[in-house]
PDB file of N, CA and C in Angstrom:
ATOM      1  N   MET A   1     -67.895 -35.352 152.752  1.00  0.00           N
ATOM      2  CA  MET A   1     -67.856 -36.580 153.513  1.00  0.00           C
ATOM      3  C   MET A   1     -67.138 -37.631 152.655  1.00  0.00           C
ATOM      4  N   SER A   2     -65.990 -38.082 153.113  1.00  0.00           N
ATOM      5  CA  SER A   2     -65.200 -39.023 152.317  1.00  0.00           C
ATOM      6  C   SER A   2     -65.246 -40.450 152.862  1.00  0.00           C
ATOM      7  N   ASP A   3     -65.730 -40.639 154.076  1.00  0.00           N
ATOM      8  CA  ASP A   3     -65.815 -41.985 154.641  1.00  0.00           C
ATOM      9  C   ASP A   3     -66.987 -42.739 154.025  1.00  0.00           C
ATOM     10  N   VAL A   4     -66.770 -44.003 153.753  1.00  0.00           N
ATOM     11  CA  VAL A   4     -67.818 -44.846 153.191  1.00  0.00           C
ATOM     12  C   VAL A   4     -68.017 -46.037 154.120  1.00  0.00           C
ATOM     13  N   LYS A   5     -69.287 -46.363 154.387  1.00  0.00           N
ATOM     14  CA  LYS A   5     -69.600 -47.520 155.216  1.00  0.00           C
ATOM     15  C   LYS A   5     -70.881 -48.134 154.691  1.00  0.00           C
ATOM     16  N   PRO A   6     -71.100 -49.406 154.991  1.00  0.00           N
ATOM     17  CA  PRO A   6     -72.343 -50.044 154.562  1.00  0.00           C
ATOM     18  C   PRO A   6     -73.552 -49.403 155.245  1.00  0.00           C
ATOM     19  N   TRP A   7     -74.689 -49.457 154.580  1.00  0.00           N
ATOM     20  CA  TRP A   7     -75.898 -48.829 155.116  1.00  0.00           C
ATOM     21  C   TRP A   7     -76.270 -49.383 156.470  1.00  0.00           C
ATOM     22  N   TYR A   8     -76.026 -50.674 156.695  1.00  0.00           N
ATOM     23  CA  TYR A   8     -76.467 -51.310 157.941  1.00  0.00           C
ATOM     24  C   TYR A   8     -75.609 -50.922 159.145  1.00  0.00           C
ATOM     25  N   LEU A   9     -74.548 -50.161 158.941  1.00  0.00           N
ATOM     26  CA  LEU A   9     -73.752 -49.658 160.059  1.00  0.00           C
ATOM     27  C   LEU A   9     -74.061 -48.189 160.363  1.00  0.00           C
ATOM     28  N   SER A  10     -75.054 -47.655 159.689  1.00  0.00           N
ATOM     29  CA  SER A  10     -75.438 -46.255 159.882  1.00  0.00           C
ATOM     30  C   SER A  10     -76.426 -46.112 161.038  1.00  0.00           C
ATOM     31  N   ARG A  11     -76.052 -45.315 162.021  1.00  0.00           N
ATOM     32  CA  ARG A  11     -76.945 -45.057 163.152  1.00  0.00           C
ATOM     33  C   ARG A  11     -78.217 -44.356 162.685  1.00  0.00           C
ATOM     34  N   THR A  12     -78.097 -43.501 161.694  1.00  0.00           N
ATOM     35  CA  THR A  12     -79.257 -42.764 161.179  1.00  0.00           C
ATOM     36  C   THR A  12     -80.271 -43.718 160.564  1.00  0.00           C
ATOM     37  N   ILE A  13     -79.798 -44.666 159.775  1.00  0.00           N
ATOM     38  CA  ILE A  13     -80.701 -45.633 159.150  1.00  0.00           C
ATOM     39  C   ILE A  13     -81.413 -46.457 160.218  1.00  0.00           C
ATOM     40  N   TRP A  14     -80.676 -46.950 161.222  1.00  0.00           N
ATOM     41  CA  TRP A  14     -81.287 -47.760 162.269  1.00  0.00           C
ATOM     42  C   TRP A  14     -82.263 -46.941 163.102  1.00  0.00           C
ATOM     43  N   ALA A  15     -81.927 -45.681 163.370  1.00  0.00           N
ATOM     44  CA  ALA A  15     -82.848 -44.826 164.123  1.00  0.00           C
ATOM     45  C   ALA A  15     -84.140 -44.619 163.344  1.00  0.00           C
ATOM     46  N   ALA A  16     -84.024 -44.447 162.029  1.00  0.00           N
ATOM     47  CA  ALA A  16     -85.215 -44.269 161.195  1.00  0.00           C
ATOM     48  C   ALA A  16     -86.054 -45.546 161.167  1.00  0.00           C
ATOM     49  N   ILE A  17     -85.407 -46.693 161.045  1.00  0.00           N
ATOM     50  CA  ILE A  17     -86.129 -47.969 161.035  1.00  0.00           C
ATOM     51  C   ILE A  17     -86.868 -48.170 162.359  1.00  0.00           C
ATOM     52  N   ILE A  18     -86.189 -47.894 163.480  1.00  0.00           N
ATOM     53  CA  ILE A  18     -86.815 -48.043 164.799  1.00  0.00           C
ATOM     54  C   ILE A  18     -87.955 -47.057 164.959  1.00  0.00           C
ATOM     55  N   SER A  19     -87.767 -45.851 164.473  1.00  0.00           N
ATOM     56  CA  SER A  19     -88.818 -44.842 164.582  1.00  0.00           C
ATOM     57  C   SER A  19     -90.073 -45.271 163.827  1.00  0.00           C
ATOM     58  N   VAL A  20     -89.884 -45.775 162.618  1.00  0.00           N
ATOM     59  CA  VAL A  20     -91.028 -46.251 161.835  1.00  0.00           C
ATOM     60  C   VAL A  20     -91.690 -47.451 162.524  1.00  0.00           C
ATOM     61  N   ALA A  21     -90.871 -48.396 162.993  1.00  0.00           N
ATOM     62  CA  ALA A  21     -91.420 -49.568 163.664  1.00  0.00           C
ATOM     63  C   ALA A  21     -92.175 -49.187 164.940  1.00  0.00           C
ATOM     64  N   ALA A  22     -91.629 -48.223 165.694  1.00  0.00           N
ATOM     65  CA  ALA A  22     -92.293 -47.789 166.932  1.00  0.00           C
ATOM     66  C   ALA A  22     -93.611 -47.084 166.614  1.00  0.00           C
ATOM     67  N   THR A  23     -93.637 -46.330 165.539  1.00  0.00           N
ATOM     68  CA  THR A  23     -94.872 -45.649 165.142  1.00  0.00           C
ATOM     69  C   THR A  23     -95.939 -46.660 164.749  1.00  0.00           C
ATOM     70  N   ILE A  24     -95.528 -47.661 163.988  1.00  0.00           N
ATOM     71  CA  ILE A  24     -96.475 -48.709 163.592  1.00  0.00           C
ATOM     72  C   ILE A  24     -96.943 -49.488 164.816  1.00  0.00           C
ATOM     73  N   ALA A  25     -96.015 -49.803 165.725  1.00  0.00           N
ATOM     74  CA  ALA A  25     -96.386 -50.516 166.957  1.00  0.00           C
ATOM     75  C   ALA A  25     -97.357 -49.683 167.779  1.00  0.00           C
ATOM     76  N   GLY A  26     -97.123 -48.367 167.847  1.00  0.00           N
ATOM     77  CA  GLY A  26     -98.029 -47.480 168.570  1.00  0.00           C
ATOM     78  C   GLY A  26     -99.430 -47.489 167.985  1.00  0.00           C
ATOM     79  N   ALA A  27     -99.523 -47.612 166.668  1.00  0.00           N
ATOM     80  CA  ALA A  27    -100.826 -47.664 166.015  1.00  0.00           C
ATOM     81  C   ALA A  27    -101.586 -48.930 166.405  1.00  0.00           C
ATOM     82  N   PHE A  28    -100.855 -49.963 166.787  1.00  0.00           N
ATOM     83  CA  PHE A  28    -101.482 -51.218 167.212  1.00  0.00           C
ATOM     84  C   PHE A  28    -101.559 -51.356 168.726  1.00  0.00           C
ATOM     85  N   GLY A  29    -101.264 -50.261 169.449  1.00  0.00           N
ATOM     86  CA  GLY A  29    -101.437 -50.262 170.897  1.00  0.00           C
ATOM     87  C   GLY A  29    -100.210 -50.624 171.709  1.00  0.00           C
ATOM     88  N   TYR A  30     -99.031 -50.626 171.102  1.00  0.00           N
ATOM     89  CA  TYR A  30     -97.785 -50.923 171.808  1.00  0.00           C
ATOM     90  C   TYR A  30     -96.907 -49.681 171.850  1.00  0.00           C
ATOM     91  N   PRO A  31     -97.132 -48.795 172.818  1.00  0.00           N
ATOM     92  CA  PRO A  31     -96.348 -47.552 172.849  1.00  0.00           C
ATOM     93  C   PRO A  31     -94.884 -47.788 173.230  1.00  0.00           C
ATOM     94  N   VAL A  32     -93.995 -47.091 172.545  1.00  0.00           N
ATOM     95  CA  VAL A  32     -92.561 -47.129 172.840  1.00  0.00           C
ATOM     96  C   VAL A  32     -92.111 -45.686 173.007  1.00  0.00           C
ATOM     97  N   ASP A  33     -91.540 -45.353 174.176  1.00  0.00           N
ATOM     98  CA  ASP A  33     -91.108 -43.974 174.408  1.00  0.00           C
ATOM     99  C   ASP A  33     -89.756 -43.708 173.726  1.00  0.00           C
ATOM    100  N   ASP A  34     -89.349 -42.437 173.710  1.00  0.00           N
ATOM    101  CA  ASP A  34     -88.106 -42.049 173.042  1.00  0.00           C
ATOM    102  C   ASP A  34     -86.885 -42.724 173.648  1.00  0.00           C
ATOM    103  N   LEU A  35     -86.858 -42.878 174.962  1.00  0.00           N
ATOM    104  CA  LEU A  35     -85.727 -43.520 175.623  1.00  0.00           C
ATOM    105  C   LEU A  35     -85.615 -44.983 175.193  1.00  0.00           C
ATOM    106  N   GLY A  36     -86.740 -45.648 175.064  1.00  0.00           N
ATOM    107  CA  GLY A  36     -86.759 -47.033 174.605  1.00  0.00           C
ATOM    108  C   GLY A  36     -86.248 -47.156 173.178  1.00  0.00           C
ATOM    109  N   ARG A  37     -86.579 -46.198 172.341  1.00  0.00           N
ATOM    110  CA  ARG A  37     -86.111 -46.203 170.955  1.00  0.00           C
ATOM    111  C   ARG A  37     -84.594 -46.065 170.892  1.00  0.00           C
ATOM    112  N   GLU A  38     -84.057 -45.141 171.690  1.00  0.00           N
ATOM    113  CA  GLU A  38     -82.604 -44.926 171.685  1.00  0.00           C
ATOM    114  C   GLU A  38     -81.860 -46.181 172.129  1.00  0.00           C
ATOM    115  N   GLY A  39     -82.356 -46.828 173.165  1.00  0.00           N
ATOM    116  CA  GLY A  39     -81.727 -48.053 173.641  1.00  0.00           C
ATOM    117  C   GLY A  39     -81.811 -49.172 172.614  1.00  0.00           C
ATOM    118  N   LEU A  40     -82.938 -49.269 171.946  1.00  0.00           N
ATOM    119  CA  LEU A  40     -83.121 -50.290 170.924  1.00  0.00           C
ATOM    120  C   LEU A  40     -82.203 -50.047 169.732  1.00  0.00           C
ATOM    121  N   VAL A  41     -82.068 -48.794 169.327  1.00  0.00           N
ATOM    122  CA  VAL A  41     -81.161 -48.457 168.226  1.00  0.00           C
ATOM    123  C   VAL A  41     -79.736 -48.847 168.584  1.00  0.00           C
ATOM    124  N   GLU A  42     -79.310 -48.513 169.782  1.00  0.00           N
ATOM    125  CA  GLU A  42     -77.940 -48.833 170.223  1.00  0.00           C
ATOM    126  C   GLU A  42     -77.715 -50.341 170.252  1.00  0.00           C
ATOM    127  N   ALA A  43     -78.674 -51.084 170.787  1.00  0.00           N
ATOM    128  CA  ALA A  43     -78.547 -52.540 170.861  1.00  0.00           C
ATOM    129  C   ALA A  43     -78.493 -53.161 169.468  1.00  0.00           C
ATOM    130  N   LEU A  44     -79.374 -52.729 168.580  1.00  0.00           N
ATOM    131  CA  LEU A  44     -79.375 -53.269 167.216  1.00  0.00           C
ATOM    132  C   LEU A  44     -78.086 -52.927 166.476  1.00  0.00           C
ATOM    133  N   LEU A  45     -77.592 -51.717 166.658  1.00  0.00           N
ATOM    134  CA  LEU A  45     -76.354 -51.322 165.996  1.00  0.00           C
ATOM    135  C   LEU A  45     -75.182 -52.176 166.468  1.00  0.00           C
ATOM    136  N   GLN A  46     -75.134 -52.482 167.742  1.00  0.00           N
ATOM    137  CA  GLN A  46     -74.067 -53.336 168.267  1.00  0.00           C
ATOM    138  C   GLN A  46     -74.178 -54.752 167.707  1.00  0.00           C
ATOM    139  N   ILE A  47     -75.389 -55.265 167.597  1.00  0.00           N
ATOM    140  CA  ILE A  47     -75.588 -56.601 167.036  1.00  0.00           C
ATOM    141  C   ILE A  47     -75.176 -56.635 165.570  1.00  0.00           C
ATOM    142  N   VAL A  48     -75.577 -55.633 164.815  1.00  0.00           N
ATOM    143  CA  VAL A  48     -75.228 -55.575 163.391  1.00  0.00           C
ATOM    144  C   VAL A  48     -73.722 -55.432 163.218  1.00  0.00           C
ATOM    145  N   SER A  49     -73.085 -54.616 164.039  1.00  0.00           N
ATOM    146  CA  SER A  49     -71.634 -54.452 163.960  1.00  0.00           C
ATOM    147  C   SER A  49     -70.913 -55.758 164.261  1.00  0.00           C
ATOM    148  N   ALA A  50     -71.372 -56.473 165.267  1.00  0.00           N
ATOM    149  CA  ALA A  50     -70.771 -57.759 165.599  1.00  0.00           C
ATOM    150  C   ALA A  50     -70.969 -58.769 164.472  1.00  0.00           C
ATOM    151  N   ALA A  51     -72.162 -58.805 163.909  1.00  0.00           N
ATOM    152  CA  ALA A  51     -72.441 -59.724 162.804  1.00  0.00           C
ATOM    153  C   ALA A  51     -71.584 -59.396 161.591  1.00  0.00           C
ATOM    154  N   ALA A  52     -71.404 -58.108 161.302  1.00  0.00           N
ATOM    155  CA  ALA A  52     -70.565 -57.702 160.171  1.00  0.00           C
ATOM    156  C   ALA A  52     -69.125 -58.148 160.389  1.00  0.00           C
ATOM    157  N   GLY A  53     -68.629 -58.045 161.595  1.00  0.00           N
ATOM    158  CA  GLY A  53     -67.278 -58.494 161.906  1.00  0.00           C
ATOM    159  C   GLY A  53     -67.115 -59.993 161.729  1.00  0.00           C
ATOM    160  N   VAL A  54     -68.093 -60.744 162.206  1.00  0.00           N
ATOM    161  CA  VAL A  54     -68.055 -62.199 162.061  1.00  0.00           C
ATOM    162  C   VAL A  54     -68.096 -62.582 160.582  1.00  0.00           C
ATOM    163  N   LEU A  55     -68.963 -61.925 159.809  1.00  0.00           N
ATOM    164  CA  LEU A  55     -69.042 -62.212 158.378  1.00  0.00           C
ATOM    165  C   LEU A  55     -67.742 -61.881 157.659  1.00  0.00           C
ATOM    166  N   ALA A  56     -67.094 -60.808 158.053  1.00  0.00           N
ATOM    167  CA  ALA A  56     -65.814 -60.445 157.438  1.00  0.00           C
ATOM    168  C   ALA A  56     -64.755 -61.505 157.713  1.00  0.00           C
ATOM    169  N   ILE A  57     -64.715 -61.990 158.939  1.00  0.00           N
ATOM    170  CA  ILE A  57     -63.747 -63.035 159.302  1.00  0.00           C
ATOM    171  C   ILE A  57     -64.055 -64.332 158.549  1.00  0.00           C
ATOM    172  N   LEU A  58     -65.321 -64.730 158.530  1.00  0.00           N
ATOM    173  CA  LEU A  58     -65.701 -65.940 157.803  1.00  0.00           C
ATOM    174  C   LEU A  58     -65.418 -65.799 156.313  1.00  0.00           C
ATOM    175  N   GLY A  59     -65.680 -64.628 155.775  1.00  0.00           N
ATOM    176  CA  GLY A  59     -65.404 -64.379 154.361  1.00  0.00           C
ATOM    177  C   GLY A  59     -63.941 -64.532 154.036  1.00  0.00           C
ATOM    178  N   ARG A  60     -63.085 -64.078 154.932  1.00  0.00           N
ATOM    179  CA  ARG A  60     -61.645 -64.191 154.690  1.00  0.00           C
ATOM    180  C   ARG A  60     -61.196 -65.648 154.748  1.00  0.00           C
ATOM    181  N   PHE A  61     -61.754 -66.406 155.674  1.00  0.00           N
ATOM    182  CA  PHE A  61     -61.376 -67.812 155.785  1.00  0.00           C
ATOM    183  C   PHE A  61     -61.871 -68.647 154.606  1.00  0.00           C
ATOM    184  N   THR A  62     -62.989 -68.266 154.022  1.00  0.00           N
ATOM    185  CA  THR A  62     -63.542 -69.030 152.911  1.00  0.00           C
ATOM    186  C   THR A  62     -63.162 -68.465 151.558  1.00  0.00           C
ATOM    187  N   ALA A  63     -62.377 -67.418 151.514  1.00  0.00           N
ATOM    188  CA  ALA A  63     -61.970 -66.804 150.255  1.00  0.00           C
ATOM    189  C   ALA A  63     -61.093 -67.754 149.446  1.00  0.00           C
ATOM    190  N   THR A  64     -61.176 -67.612 148.139  1.00  0.00           N
ATOM    191  CA  THR A  64     -60.369 -68.460 147.266  1.00  0.00           C
ATOM    192  C   THR A  64     -59.140 -67.745 146.724  1.00  0.00           C
ATOM    193  N   ALA A  65     -59.028 -66.451 146.972  1.00  0.00           N
ATOM    194  CA  ALA A  65     -57.861 -65.688 146.532  1.00  0.00           C
ATOM    195  C   ALA A  65     -57.153 -65.101 147.758  1.00  0.00           C
ATOM    196  N   ARG A  66     -55.861 -64.931 147.638  1.00  0.00           N
ATOM    197  CA  ARG A  66     -55.123 -64.384 148.774  1.00  0.00           C
ATOM    198  C   ARG A  66     -55.072 -62.859 148.720  1.00  0.00           C
ATOM    199  N   ILE A  67     -54.817 -62.258 149.847  1.00  0.00           N
ATOM    200  CA  ILE A  67     -54.704 -60.808 149.971  1.00  0.00           C
ATOM    201  C   ILE A  67     -53.261 -60.423 149.710  1.00  0.00           C
ATOM    202  N   LEU A  68     -53.054 -59.420 148.896  1.00  0.00           N
ATOM    203  CA  LEU A  68     -51.691 -58.932 148.634  1.00  0.00           C
ATOM    204  C   LEU A  68     -51.355 -57.756 149.500  1.00  0.00           C
TER     205      LEU A  68
END
């Protein structure tokens, strides 16, 4: 595997986080089914991807060195 990406853009990491959160929520009486988990993972991944893009653009505008 030669591609590198930040951890927060990994679908596997987000699926694991949602799975743990859903398990904990279930222990407190808030059941979340598998379909709900998949939708939540997809929504969170899209939000994180959008935020990463915005941060990249803002970072470029506020940078003090130019790109060669």
